[in-house]
Amino acid sequence: MPAHKCLTPGQCRAARGFLDWTQDELAERTGLSRSTIRAFEKCHHDLQAASETRIVETFREAGITFSSAGPEGCHVCLKPVETTEPDPT
């Protein structure tokens, strides 16, 4: 699956918020520097394509989905946790 196109700083902050991750945690999980994450989220610079791909794939592996909302933009969602409870029937 191709990487999400054009991750915004707000989407990055929202995804971290869903996961309750700090910038340090995202940096550690992606192998990027905290200063790269911080500067991107503060709109100081765009990400290189490889860095964006690493961030998006890390979020996806943690259960974050990005879905198109048409002209309104893109939704950031946390997949529901699947339970393995037995069927009551």
Protein backbone atom coordinates (compact mmCIF):
# COMPACT_ATOMS: atom_id res chain seq x y z
CA MET A 1 0.00 0.00 0.00
CA PRO A 2 1.48 3.38 -0.90
CA ALA A 3 2.24 5.78 1.88
CA HIS A 4 -0.20 8.47 2.85
CA LYS A 5 0.27 11.53 0.69
CA CYS A 6 1.05 14.80 2.36
CA LEU A 7 0.84 14.14 6.08
CA THR A 8 0.06 17.43 7.81
CA PRO A 9 1.48 18.58 11.12
CA GLY A 10 -2.03 18.50 12.61
CA GLN A 11 -2.56 14.90 11.49
CA CYS A 12 0.75 13.92 13.01
CA ARG A 13 -0.18 15.54 16.35
CA ALA A 14 -3.65 13.94 16.22
CA ALA A 15 -2.25 10.47 15.55
CA ARG A 16 0.23 10.84 18.41
CA GLY A 17 -2.63 12.00 20.63
CA PHE A 18 -4.72 8.91 19.84
CA LEU A 19 -1.76 6.75 20.81
CA ASP A 20 -0.73 8.92 23.78
CA TRP A 21 2.79 9.12 22.35
CA THR A 22 5.24 11.94 22.98
CA GLN A 23 7.41 13.38 20.24
CA ASP A 24 10.28 11.44 21.80
CA GLU A 25 8.34 8.17 21.51
CA LEU A 26 7.47 8.80 17.87
CA ALA A 27 11.09 9.70 17.14
CA GLU A 28 12.32 6.51 18.80
CA ARG A 29 9.80 4.30 16.97
CA THR A 30 10.57 5.83 13.56
CA GLY A 31 14.31 6.27 13.97
CA LEU A 32 13.97 9.98 13.22
CA SER A 33 15.26 12.73 15.47
CA ARG A 34 12.97 14.49 17.91
CA SER A 35 14.01 17.79 16.35
CA THR A 36 12.70 16.59 12.96
CA ILE A 37 9.33 15.65 14.51
CA ARG A 38 9.15 18.89 16.51
CA ALA A 39 10.06 21.13 13.56
CA PHE A 40 7.51 19.40 11.31
CA GLU A 41 4.70 19.62 13.87
CA LYS A 42 5.47 23.33 14.41
CA CYS A 43 5.28 23.88 10.61
CA HIS A 44 8.93 24.92 10.39
CA HIS A 45 9.62 22.57 7.45
CA ASP A 46 8.12 19.79 5.35
CA LEU A 47 9.20 16.20 5.75
CA GLN A 48 11.32 14.38 3.22
CA ALA A 49 9.30 11.65 1.49
CA ALA A 50 11.22 8.86 3.25
CA SER A 51 10.62 10.43 6.67
CA GLU A 52 6.90 10.86 5.96
CA THR A 53 6.65 7.23 4.89
CA ARG A 54 8.37 6.07 8.10
CA ILE A 55 6.01 8.12 10.26
CA VAL A 56 2.85 7.01 8.46
CA GLU A 57 3.85 3.34 8.45
CA THR A 58 4.72 3.51 12.16
CA PHE A 59 1.29 4.98 12.89
CA ARG A 60 -0.43 2.34 10.74
CA GLU A 61 1.39 -0.46 12.55
CA ALA A 62 0.10 1.02 15.82
CA GLY A 63 -3.51 1.03 14.58
CA ILE A 64 -3.92 4.51 13.12
CA THR A 65 -5.77 4.81 9.82
CA PHE A 66 -5.88 7.73 7.44
CA SER A 67 -8.99 7.92 5.26
CA SER A 68 -9.97 10.38 2.59
CA ALA A 69 -12.79 12.73 3.48
CA GLY A 70 -13.05 14.09 -0.04
CA PRO A 71 -12.72 17.85 -0.36
CA GLU A 72 -12.77 18.18 3.43
CA GLY A 73 -9.34 16.57 3.70
CA CYS A 74 -8.27 13.43 5.51
CA HIS A 75 -9.53 11.74 8.67
CA VAL A 76 -7.17 10.32 11.29
CA CYS A 77 -8.71 7.39 13.18
CA LEU A 78 -7.64 4.75 15.68
CA LYS A 79 -8.78 1.26 14.71
CA PRO A 80 -10.95 -0.37 17.38
CA VAL A 81 -9.19 -3.03 19.38
CA GLU A 82 -10.41 -6.48 18.41
CA THR A 83 -11.42 -8.61 21.34
CA THR A 84 -11.24 -12.37 21.46
CA GLU A 85 -14.24 -12.83 23.73
CA PRO A 86 -16.27 -15.95 22.99
CA ASP A 87 -19.50 -15.58 21.06
CA PRO A 88 -22.38 -15.68 23.60
CA THR A 89 -24.63 -17.73 21.29
